[in-house]
Amino acid sequence: MRTPAAGGWRLHPRGSSSSKLTRRIISNVKISLLCAFVTILVLRGTVGVNRRLVYIAGTSDNPAAAASTRPVDDIERILREIRADSDPDPDTDDDAAQTTSSSSAATREHYDRGAAWTTANYSLGPRVTRWNAKRRRWLHQNPGFPYRDARGGPRVLLVTASPPGPCSSPAGDRFLLRATKNRLDYCRLHGVEMVHVTARLEDPELSSSSVGTGGAGGWAKLALLRRLMLAHPEVEWLWWLDAGALVTDMGFELPLARYEGAHLVVRSDSYLLFQRRSWDAASTASFLLRNCQWSLDLLDAWAGMAPRGRARDDAGKLLTATLAGRPPGEADDQSALVHLLITEKERWMDRVYLENQYYLHGVWTGLVGKFEEAMEKHHPGYGDDRWPFVTHFAGCKLCEGRSTRSRSASASAGDSGGGKNRSDEYPLERCVSGMERAFNFADNQVLRLYGFRHESLASAEVRRVANRSANPLEAKEESLAFLKKPNEPDPWSSDVRKNRKSKGEGDSVLARILKRLGWRSKI
């Protein structure tokens, strides 16, 4: 036998090959991590440039949207203007310079990452968490506050606001009084509760920049809705309605069953919002908001552009640069909501219902001239073109003795949404005439219950249209039936199926197929 000393064979130490394999693996892992680190450094310097116009340019497969977008030079020019406006004067102190630098950095960061605007150190109030669970527990402990109304539907709270003082013209005070009556009539007919706020409850940061305005319009509505949500946990839906809007279909019922999985309902459609990116794609003059944790989070995110001053001005420049058709001016609540839904679509849109089947919000200029035609051909209860549900007098500032659609009207009481930041004006006489027609059109539907109606839509005088009846309950039922939408036949009902055209009982299956193919027998 050959010994190791003679060089016949050699014993290797146990585990020597496995240790070499382990060292080789560790070396490969180190090299891979190093390569990955270098790749991340390279990508970090290039991704930000490519994302600069993600929000503005939209999808590359849409030629119309790409053709309407602004070039990169315009965006950078606007950024330079924002920075120039934010540069401190030589006499300002270091705190002002530091604030200016942070504002410019925030604007630049927003454009780079294409996300929603945020304002540091501002919120509508202390953050509320687990509101859904807290609300359910409170409702269980307080059975005297049911979350269902007398008809078994979810409780709805109509919220509106007007200035705390008298208007500058008698016409303004008269319109606010009649608008309040209009809301009370609708709420009484449909079992809806109402809150009309005249006191100044908003945060000073949310107040309007224009002089002589008040109430809770514009940005101030966000804080008001949040307070009412927390103060009325028994309410399921909050319906905001501007003071400049009238309910013109007294028979229309809000289709709340349709919004089973939605928390926000606005008048809009997906084309205007995501394809055209129009600044007025979603109106905030009339909308529905569910009382839940999601809504509280939305209000906090929505108020990011609300603080008055430099933050609101810079946000307004951003909105003008990114939303189609928006004129220059400070940020308004309507444009901010559109911007938020576009930039954070994945976060919010699953719970947003874009309503376009009826006029949850309708602009008065295209509606008030069609009321006579509606009375001749149609019936209350539809809420759409046949009989509009809400008519909003956007741009008519009767309480200030003028009518305008200028920027100063954007955050004043009772005119938020639909008519903000516009430069064209309406004659004051046209606004007064349109409001008179809309109010009388709605009031006729209520006066019918008592046997009266207005002489004309332009007159406040009334006349009797029904004689006194010995059976007043039948007259009441007839009047209430007029307010309801006529029952349309169900296409799947047995009566409709019976009246359908017969397919031919004597024809075989083959004969019916040949007839569809165009074959006709000569016999």
Protein backbone atom coordinates (compact mmCIF):
# COMPACT_ATOMS: atom_id res chain seq x y z
CA MET A 1 0.00 0.00 0.00
CA ARG A 2 1.30 3.40 -0.96
CA THR A 3 1.52 5.92 1.82
CA PRO A 4 0.96 9.64 1.64
CA ALA A 5 4.66 10.15 2.26
CA ALA A 6 5.48 8.22 -0.87
CA GLY A 7 3.17 10.43 -2.89
CA GLY A 8 0.67 7.66 -3.67
CA TRP A 9 -2.50 9.55 -2.56
CA ARG A 10 -3.42 12.56 -0.51
CA LEU A 11 -6.34 13.15 1.85
CA HIS A 12 -8.10 16.57 1.50
CA PRO A 13 -9.41 18.20 4.62
CA ARG A 14 -13.17 17.74 5.08
CA GLY A 15 -15.24 20.71 3.93
CA SER A 16 -12.52 22.46 1.89
CA SER A 17 -14.54 22.31 -1.41
CA SER A 18 -17.76 23.52 0.23
CA SER A 19 -15.99 26.50 1.81
CA LYS A 20 -14.63 27.54 -1.59
CA LEU A 21 -18.13 27.30 -3.07
CA THR A 22 -19.53 29.43 -0.26
CA ARG A 23 -16.88 32.11 -0.80
CA ARG A 24 -17.61 32.12 -4.53
CA ILE A 25 -21.34 32.61 -3.90
CA ILE A 26 -20.70 35.47 -1.47
CA SER A 27 -18.46 37.17 -4.04
CA ASN A 28 -21.13 36.86 -6.71
CA VAL A 29 -23.76 38.32 -4.39
CA LYS A 30 -21.52 41.29 -3.61
CA ILE A 31 -20.95 41.94 -7.30
CA SER A 32 -24.70 41.71 -8.00
CA LEU A 33 -25.55 44.16 -5.21
CA LEU A 34 -22.91 46.57 -6.48
CA CYS A 35 -24.35 46.40 -10.00
CA ALA A 36 -27.87 46.96 -8.71
CA PHE A 37 -26.73 49.98 -6.69
CA VAL A 38 -25.05 51.52 -9.72
CA THR A 39 -28.20 50.89 -11.81
CA ILE A 40 -30.39 52.62 -9.24
CA LEU A 41 -28.11 55.65 -9.25
CA VAL A 42 -28.35 55.90 -13.02
CA LEU A 43 -32.14 55.48 -13.14
CA ARG A 44 -32.67 58.01 -10.37
CA GLY A 45 -31.19 60.72 -12.52
CA THR A 46 -33.33 59.93 -15.56
CA VAL A 47 -36.78 58.96 -14.24
CA GLY A 48 -37.56 62.40 -12.82
CA VAL A 49 -37.02 64.07 -16.19
CA ASN A 50 -39.34 61.66 -17.96
CA ARG A 51 -42.10 62.14 -15.37
CA ARG A 52 -42.12 65.93 -15.57
CA LEU A 53 -45.12 66.08 -17.91
CA VAL A 54 -46.96 62.92 -16.84
CA TYR A 55 -49.92 64.83 -15.50
CA ILE A 56 -50.14 67.40 -18.30
CA ALA A 57 -49.41 65.28 -21.34
CA GLY A 58 -51.81 62.47 -20.42
CA THR A 59 -51.65 59.21 -22.32
CA SER A 60 -49.45 59.01 -25.37
CA ASP A 61 -51.97 56.95 -27.33
CA ASN A 62 -54.48 59.82 -27.42
CA PRO A 63 -53.49 62.18 -30.28
CA ALA A 64 -56.15 64.76 -29.43
CA ALA A 65 -55.01 65.03 -25.83
CA ALA A 66 -51.35 65.14 -26.85
CA ALA A 67 -52.03 67.88 -29.38
CA SER A 68 -53.76 70.06 -26.80
CA THR A 69 -51.05 69.84 -24.16
CA ARG A 70 -48.59 72.64 -23.50
CA PRO A 71 -44.92 72.20 -24.30
CA VAL A 72 -42.25 71.79 -21.70
CA ASP A 73 -41.06 75.34 -22.20
CA ASP A 74 -44.39 76.76 -21.04
CA ILE A 75 -44.32 74.71 -17.86
CA GLU A 76 -40.81 75.75 -17.00
CA ARG A 77 -41.67 79.36 -17.80
CA ILE A 78 -44.56 79.20 -15.32
CA LEU A 79 -42.25 77.67 -12.73
CA ARG A 80 -39.81 80.53 -13.23
CA GLU A 81 -42.64 83.03 -12.75
CA ILE A 82 -43.70 81.30 -9.54
CA ARG A 83 -40.15 81.41 -8.25
CA ALA A 84 -39.80 85.05 -9.33
CA ASP A 85 -43.01 86.01 -7.54
CA SER A 86 -41.81 84.18 -4.45
CA ASP A 87 -38.36 85.83 -4.33
CA PRO A 88 -38.01 87.92 -1.16
CA ASP A 89 -37.28 91.62 -1.18
CA PRO A 90 -33.84 92.71 0.00
CA ASP A 91 -35.35 94.19 3.15
CA THR A 92 -37.13 91.02 4.26
CA ASP A 93 -35.79 88.95 7.09
CA ASP A 94 -34.42 85.44 6.98
CA ASP A 95 -37.77 83.86 7.89
CA ALA A 96 -39.45 85.27 4.80
CA ALA A 97 -36.60 84.07 2.61
CA GLN A 98 -36.83 80.61 4.10
CA THR A 99 -40.59 80.53 3.47
CA THR A 100 -40.09 81.61 -0.13
CA SER A 101 -37.51 78.91 -0.73
CA SER A 102 -39.76 76.22 0.68
CA SER A 103 -42.70 77.40 -1.46
CA SER A 104 -40.67 77.24 -4.66
CA ALA A 105 -39.31 73.84 -3.70
CA ALA A 106 -42.82 72.55 -3.05
CA THR A 107 -44.03 73.76 -6.45
CA ARG A 108 -41.03 72.27 -8.24
CA GLU A 109 -41.48 68.96 -6.42
CA HIS A 110 -45.15 68.84 -7.40
CA TYR A 111 -44.36 69.13 -11.07
CA ASP A 112 -41.62 66.53 -10.88
CA ARG A 113 -43.73 63.84 -9.25
CA GLY A 114 -47.12 64.72 -10.80
CA ALA A 115 -49.02 64.34 -7.53
CA ALA A 116 -51.63 66.38 -5.70
CA TRP A 117 -50.73 69.69 -4.12
CA THR A 118 -50.00 69.65 -0.41
CA THR A 119 -49.65 72.49 2.09
CA ALA A 120 -47.45 71.79 5.08
CA ASN A 121 -48.74 72.39 8.60
CA TYR A 122 -52.38 72.95 7.59
CA SER A 123 -55.46 70.81 8.18
CA LEU A 124 -59.18 71.33 8.65
CA GLY A 125 -58.91 70.11 12.24
CA PRO A 126 -57.55 67.32 14.44
CA ARG A 127 -57.30 64.11 12.47
CA VAL A 128 -60.22 61.75 13.11
CA THR A 129 -59.60 58.03 12.69
CA ARG A 130 -61.89 54.98 12.71
CA TRP A 131 -64.90 57.26 12.22
CA ASN A 132 -67.04 54.47 10.72
CA ALA A 133 -66.66 52.29 13.82
CA LYS A 134 -67.17 55.21 16.20
CA ARG A 135 -70.28 56.27 14.31
CA ARG A 136 -71.79 52.76 14.40
CA ARG A 137 -71.15 52.51 18.13
CA TRP A 138 -72.76 55.90 18.77
CA LEU A 139 -75.84 55.00 16.73
CA HIS A 140 -76.16 51.75 18.69
CA GLN A 141 -75.92 53.61 22.01
CA ASN A 142 -78.39 56.33 20.94
CA PRO A 143 -81.44 54.68 19.36
CA GLY A 144 -83.30 57.99 19.57
CA PHE A 145 -81.22 59.21 16.59
CA PRO A 146 -82.02 56.71 13.83
CA TYR A 147 -79.97 56.80 10.65
CA ARG A 148 -83.13 56.07 8.63
CA ASP A 149 -85.87 58.60 7.93
CA ALA A 150 -89.59 58.04 8.36
CA ARG A 151 -89.82 56.48 4.88
CA GLY A 152 -87.09 53.96 5.60
CA GLY A 153 -84.43 55.61 3.45
CA PRO A 154 -81.05 56.98 4.56
CA ARG A 155 -81.21 60.36 6.28
CA VAL A 156 -80.16 63.27 4.08
CA LEU A 157 -79.06 66.68 5.34
CA LEU A 158 -79.26 69.58 2.88
CA VAL A 159 -76.55 72.13 3.71
CA THR A 160 -76.48 75.69 2.42
CA ALA A 161 -75.11 79.06 3.54
CA SER A 162 -75.59 82.78 3.00
CA PRO A 163 -73.83 85.96 4.20
CA PRO A 164 -74.35 86.89 7.86
CA GLY A 165 -75.40 90.46 7.09
CA PRO A 166 -77.92 92.07 4.75
CA CYS A 167 -77.20 92.26 1.05
CA SER A 168 -76.23 95.50 -0.60
CA SER A 169 -79.43 95.50 -2.66
CA PRO A 170 -83.06 94.63 -1.82
CA ALA A 171 -83.12 92.27 -4.80
CA GLY A 172 -80.39 90.18 -3.18
CA ASP A 173 -82.27 89.86 0.12
CA ARG A 174 -85.46 88.95 -1.74
CA PHE A 175 -83.74 86.23 -3.73
CA LEU A 176 -82.11 84.69 -0.64
CA LEU A 177 -85.49 84.63 1.10
CA ARG A 178 -87.19 82.95 -1.85
CA ALA A 179 -84.29 80.51 -2.29
CA THR A 180 -84.68 79.49 1.37
CA LYS A 181 -88.42 78.92 0.82
CA ASN A 182 -87.60 76.86 -2.25
CA ARG A 183 -85.36 74.54 -0.24
CA LEU A 184 -87.84 74.26 2.61
CA ASP A 185 -90.58 73.24 0.18
CA TYR A 186 -88.46 70.46 -1.30
CA CYS A 187 -87.30 69.21 2.10
CA ARG A 188 -90.87 69.14 3.42
CA LEU A 189 -92.11 67.14 0.42
CA HIS A 190 -89.31 64.56 0.57
CA GLY A 191 -88.47 64.25 4.26
CA VAL A 192 -85.03 65.86 3.94
CA GLU A 193 -83.48 67.78 6.84
CA MET A 194 -81.89 71.16 6.25
CA VAL A 195 -79.16 73.32 7.80
CA HIS A 196 -78.86 76.94 6.68
CA VAL A 197 -75.72 78.58 8.04
CA THR A 198 -75.38 82.37 8.21
CA ALA A 199 -72.67 82.65 10.87
CA ARG A 200 -68.98 82.73 10.03
CA LEU A 201 -67.81 79.29 11.09
CA GLU A 202 -64.86 78.91 8.76
CA ASP A 203 -61.17 79.00 9.53
CA PRO A 204 -59.68 82.43 8.66
CA GLU A 205 -57.33 80.58 6.31
CA LEU A 206 -60.36 79.52 4.25
CA SER A 207 -61.96 82.96 3.96
CA SER A 208 -62.36 84.65 0.62
CA SER A 209 -59.79 87.10 -0.69
CA SER A 210 -62.52 89.32 -2.12
CA VAL A 211 -63.97 92.18 -0.12
CA GLY A 212 -67.54 92.16 1.03
CA THR A 213 -68.18 88.47 0.82
CA GLY A 214 -69.17 86.16 3.61
CA GLY A 215 -70.97 83.00 4.55
CA ALA A 216 -69.61 79.54 3.94
CA GLY A 217 -69.23 79.39 0.18
CA GLY A 218 -66.10 78.41 -1.72
CA TRP A 219 -63.36 76.90 0.40
CA ALA A 220 -65.26 77.48 3.64
CA LYS A 221 -67.77 74.76 2.72
CA LEU A 222 -65.12 72.09 3.38
CA ALA A 223 -64.74 72.99 7.04
CA LEU A 224 -68.52 73.36 7.41
CA LEU A 225 -69.23 69.92 5.93
CA ARG A 226 -66.62 68.36 8.19
CA ARG A 227 -68.16 69.97 11.29
CA LEU A 228 -71.64 68.78 10.34
CA MET A 229 -70.43 65.24 9.68
CA LEU A 230 -68.95 64.97 13.14
CA ALA A 231 -71.89 66.75 14.83
CA HIS A 232 -74.58 64.63 13.12
CA PRO A 233 -73.45 61.00 13.02
CA GLU A 234 -77.09 59.99 12.45
CA VAL A 235 -77.01 61.58 8.97
CA GLU A 236 -75.95 59.28 6.13
CA TRP A 237 -75.70 61.80 3.27
CA LEU A 238 -74.87 65.50 3.21
CA TRP A 239 -76.13 67.44 0.19
CA TRP A 240 -74.33 70.72 -0.37
CA LEU A 241 -76.34 73.29 -2.36
CA ASP A 242 -75.05 76.77 -3.08
CA ALA A 243 -77.19 79.74 -2.08
CA GLY A 244 -77.32 80.70 -5.75
CA ALA A 245 -79.06 77.47 -6.78
CA LEU A 246 -82.76 76.57 -6.85
CA VAL A 247 -84.50 73.19 -6.86
CA THR A 248 -86.71 73.32 -9.96
CA ASP A 249 -88.08 69.76 -9.93
CA MET A 250 -90.06 69.35 -6.73
CA GLY A 251 -91.05 65.79 -7.59
CA PHE A 252 -87.59 64.33 -8.21
CA GLU A 253 -86.29 61.86 -5.63
CA LEU A 254 -82.55 61.52 -5.15
CA PRO A 255 -81.69 58.00 -6.39
CA LEU A 256 -79.66 57.09 -3.32
CA ALA A 257 -79.99 53.36 -3.96
CA ARG A 258 -77.93 53.89 -7.10
CA TYR A 259 -74.99 55.14 -4.98
CA GLU A 260 -74.66 52.02 -2.84
CA GLY A 261 -70.87 51.80 -3.12
CA ALA A 262 -70.16 55.50 -3.69
CA HIS A 263 -69.17 58.16 -1.16
CA LEU A 264 -69.05 61.25 -3.40
CA VAL A 265 -71.58 62.08 -6.14
CA VAL A 266 -70.84 64.96 -8.53
CA ARG A 267 -72.32 66.08 -11.83
CA SER A 268 -69.66 65.06 -14.38
CA ASP A 269 -68.59 62.43 -16.90
CA SER A 270 -65.33 60.61 -17.48
CA TYR A 271 -64.64 62.25 -20.84
CA LEU A 272 -64.64 65.79 -19.46
CA LEU A 273 -62.68 64.77 -16.40
CA PHE A 274 -59.97 62.48 -17.72
CA GLN A 275 -59.79 63.13 -21.46
CA ARG A 276 -60.36 66.86 -21.73
CA ARG A 277 -59.18 67.58 -18.17
CA SER A 278 -61.59 70.50 -18.06
CA TRP A 279 -61.38 72.78 -15.02
CA ASP A 280 -65.18 72.68 -14.57
CA ALA A 281 -65.58 68.95 -15.23
CA ALA A 282 -67.00 68.39 -11.73
CA SER A 283 -69.28 70.97 -10.16
CA THR A 284 -69.07 71.76 -6.45
CA ALA A 285 -72.22 73.91 -6.42
CA SER A 286 -74.38 70.83 -5.78
CA PHE A 287 -72.99 67.45 -4.72
CA LEU A 288 -73.60 64.57 -2.32
CA LEU A 289 -71.10 63.40 0.29
CA ARG A 290 -71.50 60.34 2.51
CA ASN A 291 -70.80 60.60 6.23
CA CYS A 292 -67.82 58.23 6.55
CA GLN A 293 -64.07 58.07 7.14
CA TRP A 294 -63.37 58.21 3.41
CA SER A 295 -65.11 61.57 3.15
CA LEU A 296 -63.16 63.02 6.07
CA ASP A 297 -59.92 61.99 4.38
CA LEU A 298 -61.11 63.50 1.10
CA LEU A 299 -61.90 66.84 2.73
CA ASP A 300 -58.42 66.95 4.30
CA ALA A 301 -56.77 66.22 0.94
CA TRP A 302 -59.11 68.62 -0.89
CA ALA A 303 -58.16 71.50 1.41
CA GLY A 304 -54.49 71.32 0.42
CA MET A 305 -54.83 74.42 -1.79
CA ALA A 306 -57.20 76.28 0.54
CA PRO A 307 -54.94 78.47 2.79
CA ARG A 308 -55.21 82.04 1.55
CA GLY A 309 -52.15 83.99 0.53
CA ARG A 310 -49.12 82.78 -1.32
CA ALA A 311 -50.06 79.08 -1.12
CA ARG A 312 -53.43 79.68 -2.78
CA ASP A 313 -51.92 81.98 -5.41
CA ASP A 314 -49.18 79.48 -6.34
CA ALA A 315 -51.73 76.68 -6.47
CA GLY A 316 -53.87 78.82 -8.79
CA LYS A 317 -50.97 79.14 -11.23
CA LEU A 318 -50.54 75.40 -11.15
CA LEU A 319 -54.25 74.79 -11.84
CA THR A 320 -54.24 77.28 -14.72
CA ALA A 321 -51.26 75.51 -16.26
CA THR A 322 -52.67 72.01 -15.95
CA LEU A 323 -56.48 72.27 -16.38
CA ALA A 324 -58.04 73.05 -19.75
CA GLY A 325 -59.94 76.31 -20.03
CA ARG A 326 -59.13 77.67 -16.57
CA PRO A 327 -58.41 81.42 -16.56
CA PRO A 328 -55.72 82.91 -14.28
CA GLY A 329 -56.57 83.43 -10.63
CA GLU A 330 -56.10 82.01 -7.17
CA ALA A 331 -57.01 78.39 -6.51
CA ASP A 332 -60.72 77.63 -6.14
CA ASP A 333 -62.41 74.61 -4.60
CA GLN A 334 -63.87 73.31 -7.87
CA SER A 335 -60.59 73.26 -9.80
CA ALA A 336 -58.85 71.75 -6.77
CA LEU A 337 -61.31 68.85 -6.67
CA VAL A 338 -60.85 68.18 -10.40
CA HIS A 339 -57.07 68.29 -9.96
CA LEU A 340 -57.25 65.92 -7.01
CA LEU A 341 -59.41 63.36 -8.81
CA ILE A 342 -57.08 63.37 -11.82
CA THR A 343 -53.74 63.19 -10.02
CA GLU A 344 -54.87 60.66 -7.41
CA LYS A 345 -57.32 58.66 -9.49
CA GLU A 346 -56.34 55.30 -7.96
CA ARG A 347 -56.95 56.57 -4.44
CA TRP A 348 -60.32 58.29 -4.85
CA MET A 349 -62.19 57.35 -8.00
CA ASP A 350 -63.34 53.92 -6.79
CA ARG A 351 -65.76 55.74 -4.46
CA VAL A 352 -66.74 58.64 -6.74
CA TYR A 353 -69.94 58.48 -8.80
CA LEU A 354 -69.97 60.71 -11.89
CA GLU A 355 -73.66 61.48 -12.29
CA ASN A 356 -74.89 62.57 -15.74
CA GLN A 357 -78.38 61.05 -15.94
CA TYR A 358 -80.08 64.02 -14.27
CA TYR A 359 -79.26 67.62 -13.41
CA LEU A 360 -77.70 67.36 -9.99
CA HIS A 361 -76.23 70.65 -11.16
CA GLY A 362 -77.47 72.63 -14.16
CA VAL A 363 -76.33 76.05 -15.39
CA TRP A 364 -79.22 78.49 -15.63
CA THR A 365 -78.33 80.05 -18.99
CA GLY A 366 -79.40 76.95 -20.91
CA LEU A 367 -82.43 76.04 -18.77
CA VAL A 368 -84.59 79.05 -17.84
CA GLY A 369 -85.73 79.61 -21.42
CA LYS A 370 -87.17 76.09 -21.74
CA PHE A 371 -89.55 76.08 -18.77
CA GLU A 372 -92.69 76.76 -20.85
CA GLU A 373 -91.84 73.89 -23.18
CA ALA A 374 -91.30 71.62 -20.18
CA MET A 375 -94.74 72.52 -18.77
CA GLU A 376 -96.42 71.79 -22.11
CA LYS A 377 -94.73 68.54 -23.04
CA HIS A 378 -93.30 66.93 -19.91
CA HIS A 379 -93.89 66.15 -16.28
CA PRO A 380 -92.07 66.70 -12.96
CA GLY A 381 -90.03 63.87 -11.51
CA TYR A 382 -87.48 63.28 -14.27
CA GLY A 383 -84.77 65.74 -13.17
CA ASP A 384 -83.13 65.77 -16.61
CA ASP A 385 -83.56 67.88 -19.77
CA ARG A 386 -87.30 67.35 -19.63
CA TRP A 387 -87.61 68.88 -16.14
CA PRO A 388 -84.24 69.98 -14.62
CA PHE A 389 -83.66 69.14 -10.98
CA VAL A 390 -81.24 71.91 -9.87
CA THR A 391 -80.76 75.25 -11.63
CA HIS A 392 -77.63 77.11 -10.53
CA PHE A 393 -77.27 80.84 -11.21
CA ALA A 394 -73.53 80.79 -11.57
CA GLY A 395 -72.08 84.29 -11.81
CA CYS A 396 -75.15 86.18 -10.57
CA LYS A 397 -74.13 88.12 -7.44
CA LEU A 398 -77.38 89.78 -6.49
CA CYS A 399 -76.36 90.01 -2.85
CA GLU A 400 -73.53 92.31 -3.91
CA GLY A 401 -75.71 94.25 -6.34
CA ARG A 402 -73.87 93.03 -9.42
CA SER A 403 -73.56 90.05 -11.73
CA THR A 404 -70.22 88.72 -12.82
CA ARG A 405 -68.29 85.57 -13.40
CA SER A 406 -64.99 87.07 -12.42
CA ARG A 407 -62.32 85.63 -10.18
CA SER A 408 -63.56 87.50 -7.11
CA ALA A 409 -66.75 85.46 -7.21
CA SER A 410 -64.90 82.22 -6.81
CA ALA A 411 -64.97 81.88 -3.05
CA SER A 412 -67.80 84.15 -2.00
CA ALA A 413 -70.91 82.93 -0.28
CA GLY A 414 -73.36 81.00 -2.33
CA ASP A 415 -71.46 80.95 -5.62
CA SER A 416 -68.93 78.16 -5.60
CA GLY A 417 -68.73 75.83 -8.53
CA GLY A 418 -69.88 76.19 -12.05
CA GLY A 419 -69.32 79.94 -12.30
CA LYS A 420 -65.94 80.65 -10.78
CA ASN A 421 -62.98 82.36 -12.33
CA ARG A 422 -64.78 83.47 -15.47
CA SER A 423 -64.17 86.81 -17.10
CA ASP A 424 -67.46 87.33 -18.99
CA GLU A 425 -70.38 89.06 -17.28
CA TYR A 426 -74.16 88.77 -17.31
CA PRO A 427 -76.44 91.82 -17.16
CA LEU A 428 -78.02 92.23 -13.75
CA GLU A 429 -81.49 92.42 -15.30
CA ARG A 430 -80.97 89.05 -16.99
CA CYS A 431 -80.03 87.43 -13.68
CA VAL A 432 -83.09 88.89 -11.92
CA SER A 433 -85.41 87.78 -14.73
CA GLY A 434 -83.95 84.27 -14.81
CA MET A 435 -84.22 83.83 -11.05
CA GLU A 436 -87.84 85.01 -11.09
CA ARG A 437 -88.74 82.50 -13.79
CA ALA A 438 -86.96 79.62 -12.06
CA PHE A 439 -88.55 80.34 -8.69
CA ASN A 440 -92.06 80.64 -10.11
CA PHE A 441 -91.53 77.47 -12.17
CA ALA A 442 -90.71 75.55 -8.99
CA ASP A 443 -93.33 77.34 -6.90
CA ASN A 444 -96.12 76.37 -9.32
CA GLN A 445 -95.49 72.73 -8.47
CA VAL A 446 -96.08 73.48 -4.78
CA LEU A 447 -99.02 75.86 -5.26
CA ARG A 448 -100.79 73.15 -7.26
CA LEU A 449 -101.34 71.33 -3.95
CA TYR A 450 -103.52 74.28 -2.86
CA GLY A 451 -105.23 74.88 -6.22
CA PHE A 452 -103.23 77.92 -7.33
CA ARG A 453 -100.49 78.85 -9.79
CA HIS A 454 -98.65 82.00 -10.89
CA GLU A 455 -100.15 84.16 -13.60
CA SER A 456 -96.95 83.64 -15.58
CA LEU A 457 -93.37 82.66 -14.86
CA ALA A 458 -92.46 86.35 -14.86
CA SER A 459 -95.15 87.35 -12.35
CA ALA A 460 -95.44 86.86 -8.60
CA GLU A 461 -99.26 87.14 -8.79
CA VAL A 462 -101.22 83.89 -8.46
CA ARG A 463 -104.65 82.73 -9.62
CA ARG A 464 -106.95 79.84 -8.73
CA VAL A 465 -106.80 76.89 -11.08
CA ALA A 466 -108.93 74.35 -9.17
CA ASN A 467 -112.32 74.73 -7.52
CA ARG A 468 -112.83 73.78 -3.94
CA SER A 469 -113.65 70.12 -3.61
CA ALA A 470 -115.97 68.36 -1.22
CA ASN A 471 -113.38 65.59 -1.06
CA PRO A 472 -110.08 67.35 -0.36
CA LEU A 473 -108.12 64.12 0.11
CA GLU A 474 -108.76 63.07 -3.47
CA ALA A 475 -107.59 66.48 -4.67
CA LYS A 476 -104.46 66.11 -2.57
CA GLU A 477 -103.72 62.68 -4.02
CA GLU A 478 -104.17 64.05 -7.52
CA SER A 479 -101.77 66.92 -6.82
CA LEU A 480 -99.18 64.60 -5.32
CA ALA A 481 -99.48 62.26 -8.29
CA PHE A 482 -98.60 65.20 -10.57
CA LEU A 483 -95.26 65.58 -8.78
CA LYS A 484 -94.32 61.95 -9.32
CA LYS A 485 -92.66 60.69 -12.46
CA PRO A 486 -95.11 58.63 -14.54
CA ASN A 487 -94.58 54.93 -14.12
CA GLU A 488 -92.81 53.69 -17.22
CA PRO A 489 -93.48 50.08 -18.27
CA ASP A 490 -90.95 47.50 -17.17
CA PRO A 491 -89.53 45.78 -20.28
CA TRP A 492 -89.37 42.51 -18.34
CA SER A 493 -92.89 42.63 -16.96
CA SER A 494 -95.51 40.07 -18.02
CA ASP A 495 -97.77 42.74 -19.55
CA VAL A 496 -95.03 43.98 -21.86
CA ARG A 497 -94.08 40.46 -22.88
CA LYS A 498 -97.71 39.71 -23.76
CA ASN A 499 -97.90 42.75 -26.05
CA ARG A 500 -94.73 41.94 -27.94
CA LYS A 501 -95.06 41.00 -31.60
CA SER A 502 -95.47 37.30 -32.13
CA LYS A 503 -92.65 35.52 -33.89
CA GLY A 504 -95.04 33.23 -35.75
CA GLU A 505 -96.30 30.23 -33.91
CA GLY A 506 -96.50 28.06 -37.05
CA ASP A 507 -92.93 28.73 -38.22
CA SER A 508 -90.29 26.20 -37.48
CA VAL A 509 -86.82 27.08 -36.21
CA LEU A 510 -85.35 26.51 -39.70
CA ALA A 511 -87.94 28.80 -41.30
CA ARG A 512 -87.18 31.63 -38.85
CA ILE A 513 -83.43 31.27 -39.51
CA LEU A 514 -83.98 31.43 -43.27
CA LYS A 515 -86.13 34.54 -42.87
CA ARG A 516 -83.33 36.27 -40.95
CA LEU A 517 -80.94 35.38 -43.75
CA GLY A 518 -83.27 37.08 -46.26
CA TRP A 519 -84.77 33.97 -47.85
CA ARG A 520 -88.46 34.22 -48.68
CA SER A 521 -90.62 31.36 -49.91
CA LYS A 522 -92.36 31.85 -53.27
CA ILE A 523 -95.31 29.73 -52.24
